[in-house]
Amino acid sequence: MAQIIDGKKISAEIKEELKEQVAQLKEAGIEGTLAVIQVGDDPASSVYVRNKKKACEYIGIGSRSYELPLIQCKPMGLIQG
């Protein structure tokens, strides 16, 4: 039989657990940071990255993002050198 789960509730529970673990690590002198490299300006990717930044802030870790332009090239030209 299928079981319906509450994704928002589970997400909130996981974030609370992570928040506690991050606090313990900080007390031990360990600080984490999420680094994201986004290539191009796809709107869906931008939303995803923005949500990850918010999640990092909520649980207490740093985040850095680097946005790079999408450069069109021929991959075989790179391989052949």
N, C-alpha and C. Protein backbone atom coordinates (compact mmCIF):
# COMPACT_ATOMS: atom_id res chain seq x y z
N MET A 1 0.84 -1.17 0.00
CA MET A 1 0.00 0.00 0.00
C MET A 1 0.89 1.24 0.00
N ALA A 2 0.51 2.24 -0.77
CA ALA A 2 1.27 3.49 -0.85
C ALA A 2 1.09 4.31 0.41
N GLN A 3 2.14 5.03 0.76
CA GLN A 3 2.09 5.89 1.93
C GLN A 3 2.35 7.32 1.48
N ILE A 4 1.47 8.22 1.87
CA ILE A 4 1.63 9.62 1.53
C ILE A 4 2.54 10.26 2.56
N ILE A 5 3.55 10.97 2.07
CA ILE A 5 4.48 11.64 2.99
C ILE A 5 4.30 13.15 2.87
N ASP A 6 4.66 13.84 3.92
CA ASP A 6 4.59 15.29 3.96
C ASP A 6 6.01 15.82 3.72
N GLY A 7 6.29 16.15 2.46
CA GLY A 7 7.64 16.58 2.09
C GLY A 7 8.11 17.83 2.82
N LYS A 8 7.21 18.80 3.01
CA LYS A 8 7.58 20.03 3.70
C LYS A 8 7.93 19.75 5.16
N LYS A 9 7.18 18.86 5.78
CA LYS A 9 7.45 18.51 7.18
C LYS A 9 8.80 17.80 7.30
N ILE A 10 9.04 16.86 6.42
CA ILE A 10 10.31 16.12 6.45
C ILE A 10 11.47 17.07 6.19
N SER A 11 11.32 17.98 5.23
CA SER A 11 12.36 18.97 4.95
C SER A 11 12.66 19.82 6.17
N ALA A 12 11.62 20.28 6.84
CA ALA A 12 11.80 21.11 8.04
C ALA A 12 12.52 20.34 9.14
N GLU A 13 12.17 19.06 9.31
CA GLU A 13 12.81 18.23 10.33
C GLU A 13 14.30 18.06 10.02
N ILE A 14 14.62 17.81 8.76
CA ILE A 14 16.02 17.63 8.36
C ILE A 14 16.80 18.92 8.60
N LYS A 15 16.21 20.06 8.23
CA LYS A 15 16.89 21.34 8.42
C LYS A 15 17.15 21.62 9.90
N GLU A 16 16.20 21.26 10.76
CA GLU A 16 16.41 21.46 12.20
C GLU A 16 17.54 20.59 12.72
N GLU A 17 17.59 19.33 12.26
CA GLU A 17 18.68 18.44 12.65
C GLU A 17 20.02 18.99 12.18
N LEU A 18 20.07 19.46 10.94
CA LEU A 18 21.31 20.02 10.40
C LEU A 18 21.72 21.27 11.16
N LYS A 19 20.75 22.08 11.53
CA LYS A 19 21.04 23.31 12.28
C LYS A 19 21.75 22.97 13.60
N GLU A 20 21.27 21.93 14.28
CA GLU A 20 21.89 21.49 15.53
C GLU A 20 23.30 20.96 15.28
N GLN A 21 23.45 20.16 14.24
CA GLN A 21 24.77 19.59 13.94
C GLN A 21 25.77 20.67 13.56
N VAL A 22 25.31 21.66 12.80
CA VAL A 22 26.19 22.77 12.39
C VAL A 22 26.63 23.55 13.63
N ALA A 23 25.71 23.77 14.57
CA ALA A 23 26.06 24.48 15.80
C ALA A 23 27.12 23.72 16.59
N GLN A 24 26.98 22.41 16.66
CA GLN A 24 27.98 21.58 17.37
C GLN A 24 29.34 21.66 16.68
N LEU A 25 29.33 21.62 15.36
CA LEU A 25 30.59 21.71 14.63
C LEU A 25 31.25 23.07 14.83
N LYS A 26 30.44 24.13 14.86
CA LYS A 26 30.99 25.46 15.09
C LYS A 26 31.64 25.56 16.46
N GLU A 27 31.02 24.93 17.45
CA GLU A 27 31.61 24.92 18.79
C GLU A 27 32.96 24.23 18.79
N ALA A 28 33.14 23.27 17.89
CA ALA A 28 34.40 22.55 17.77
C ALA A 28 35.38 23.26 16.84
N GLY A 29 34.98 24.44 16.35
CA GLY A 29 35.87 25.21 15.48
C GLY A 29 35.82 24.83 14.01
N ILE A 30 34.79 24.11 13.63
CA ILE A 30 34.65 23.67 12.24
C ILE A 30 33.49 24.43 11.61
N GLU A 31 33.77 25.14 10.51
CA GLU A 31 32.72 25.88 9.82
C GLU A 31 32.64 25.43 8.37
N GLY A 32 31.44 25.16 7.92
CA GLY A 32 31.24 24.69 6.56
C GLY A 32 30.77 25.81 5.64
N THR A 33 31.03 25.63 4.36
CA THR A 33 30.57 26.56 3.35
C THR A 33 30.19 25.78 2.10
N LEU A 34 29.09 26.17 1.50
CA LEU A 34 28.67 25.60 0.22
C LEU A 34 29.12 26.54 -0.88
N ALA A 35 29.84 26.03 -1.86
CA ALA A 35 30.26 26.83 -3.00
C ALA A 35 29.52 26.31 -4.24
N VAL A 36 28.94 27.23 -5.00
CA VAL A 36 28.18 26.88 -6.20
C VAL A 36 28.77 27.64 -7.37
N ILE A 37 28.99 26.94 -8.47
CA ILE A 37 29.40 27.57 -9.71
C ILE A 37 28.26 27.38 -10.70
N GLN A 38 27.67 28.49 -11.11
CA GLN A 38 26.56 28.44 -12.07
C GLN A 38 27.05 28.96 -13.41
N VAL A 39 26.94 28.13 -14.41
CA VAL A 39 27.35 28.51 -15.76
C VAL A 39 26.10 28.81 -16.57
N GLY A 40 26.00 30.02 -17.07
CA GLY A 40 24.82 30.43 -17.82
C GLY A 40 23.81 31.09 -16.90
N ASP A 41 22.69 31.48 -17.46
CA ASP A 41 21.69 32.20 -16.67
C ASP A 41 20.32 31.56 -16.76
N ASP A 42 20.27 30.26 -16.70
CA ASP A 42 19.00 29.54 -16.73
C ASP A 42 18.17 29.94 -15.51
N PRO A 43 16.95 30.44 -15.71
CA PRO A 43 16.13 30.91 -14.59
C PRO A 43 15.86 29.83 -13.53
N ALA A 44 15.61 28.60 -13.96
CA ALA A 44 15.36 27.52 -13.00
C ALA A 44 16.59 27.25 -12.14
N SER A 45 17.76 27.29 -12.75
CA SER A 45 19.00 27.09 -12.00
C SER A 45 19.22 28.22 -11.00
N SER A 46 18.87 29.43 -11.40
CA SER A 46 19.02 30.58 -10.50
C SER A 46 18.12 30.44 -9.28
N VAL A 47 16.90 29.95 -9.48
CA VAL A 47 15.98 29.72 -8.36
C VAL A 47 16.55 28.64 -7.44
N TYR A 48 17.07 27.57 -8.03
CA TYR A 48 17.65 26.48 -7.25
C TYR A 48 18.81 26.99 -6.39
N VAL A 49 19.70 27.75 -6.99
CA VAL A 49 20.86 28.28 -6.26
C VAL A 49 20.40 29.23 -5.15
N ARG A 50 19.44 30.09 -5.45
CA ARG A 50 18.91 31.02 -4.44
C ARG A 50 18.32 30.25 -3.25
N ASN A 51 17.60 29.17 -3.52
CA ASN A 51 17.03 28.37 -2.44
C ASN A 51 18.10 27.68 -1.61
N LYS A 52 19.18 27.25 -2.25
CA LYS A 52 20.28 26.63 -1.51
C LYS A 52 20.95 27.66 -0.59
N LYS A 53 21.09 28.90 -1.08
CA LYS A 53 21.67 29.96 -0.26
C LYS A 53 20.81 30.22 0.97
N LYS A 54 19.49 30.26 0.78
CA LYS A 54 18.57 30.47 1.90
C LYS A 54 18.67 29.33 2.91
N ALA A 55 18.76 28.11 2.41
CA ALA A 55 18.87 26.95 3.29
C ALA A 55 20.17 27.00 4.09
N CYS A 56 21.26 27.40 3.43
CA CYS A 56 22.55 27.52 4.12
C CYS A 56 22.46 28.55 5.23
N GLU A 57 21.87 29.69 4.92
CA GLU A 57 21.73 30.74 5.92
C GLU A 57 20.91 30.24 7.10
N TYR A 58 19.84 29.51 6.83
CA TYR A 58 18.97 29.02 7.88
C TYR A 58 19.69 28.06 8.82
N ILE A 59 20.47 27.14 8.26
CA ILE A 59 21.13 26.16 9.13
C ILE A 59 22.46 26.66 9.70
N GLY A 60 22.93 27.80 9.19
CA GLY A 60 24.10 28.42 9.79
C GLY A 60 25.42 28.16 9.11
N ILE A 61 25.39 27.80 7.84
CA ILE A 61 26.66 27.65 7.13
C ILE A 61 26.76 28.73 6.06
N GLY A 62 27.98 29.00 5.66
CA GLY A 62 28.22 30.02 4.64
C GLY A 62 27.90 29.50 3.26
N SER A 63 27.73 30.42 2.35
CA SER A 63 27.54 30.02 0.95
C SER A 63 28.22 31.05 0.06
N ARG A 64 28.78 30.56 -1.00
CA ARG A 64 29.40 31.41 -2.01
C ARG A 64 28.90 30.95 -3.36
N SER A 65 28.65 31.91 -4.22
CA SER A 65 28.23 31.53 -5.56
C SER A 65 29.04 32.31 -6.58
N TYR A 66 29.32 31.63 -7.65
CA TYR A 66 30.08 32.21 -8.74
C TYR A 66 29.28 32.01 -10.01
N GLU A 67 28.96 33.10 -10.67
CA GLU A 67 28.19 33.04 -11.91
C GLU A 67 29.12 33.28 -13.09
N LEU A 68 29.13 32.34 -14.01
CA LEU A 68 29.98 32.44 -15.19
C LEU A 68 29.11 32.46 -16.44
N PRO A 69 29.53 33.19 -17.45
CA PRO A 69 28.75 33.21 -18.69
C PRO A 69 28.87 31.88 -19.43
N LEU A 70 27.83 31.57 -20.15
CA LEU A 70 27.84 30.37 -20.98
C LEU A 70 28.58 30.71 -22.27
N ILE A 71 29.64 30.00 -22.53
CA ILE A 71 30.44 30.25 -23.73
C ILE A 71 30.21 29.08 -24.68
N GLN A 72 29.75 29.40 -25.88
CA GLN A 72 29.51 28.37 -26.87
C GLN A 72 30.83 28.02 -27.55
N CYS A 73 31.15 26.74 -27.58
CA CYS A 73 32.37 26.31 -28.26
C CYS A 73 32.16 24.91 -28.83
N LYS A 74 33.06 24.51 -29.67
CA LYS A 74 32.99 23.18 -30.24
C LYS A 74 33.87 22.26 -29.39
N PRO A 75 33.26 21.32 -28.66
CA PRO A 75 34.03 20.45 -27.79
C PRO A 75 35.14 19.68 -28.50
N MET A 76 34.90 19.26 -29.74
CA MET A 76 35.93 18.49 -30.44
C MET A 76 37.18 19.33 -30.69
N GLY A 77 37.02 20.64 -30.88
CA GLY A 77 38.17 21.50 -31.04
C GLY A 77 39.02 21.53 -29.79
N LEU A 78 38.39 21.43 -28.65
CA LEU A 78 39.14 21.40 -27.39
C LEU A 78 39.89 20.08 -27.23
N ILE A 79 39.27 19.00 -27.65
CA ILE A 79 39.87 17.67 -27.50
C ILE A 79 41.06 17.51 -28.45
N GLN A 80 40.92 17.99 -29.67
CA GLN A 80 41.97 17.82 -30.68
C GLN A 80 43.16 18.72 -30.40
N GLY A 81 42.95 19.79 -29.66
CA GLY A 81 44.01 20.69 -29.25
C GLY A 81 44.63 21.36 -30.39
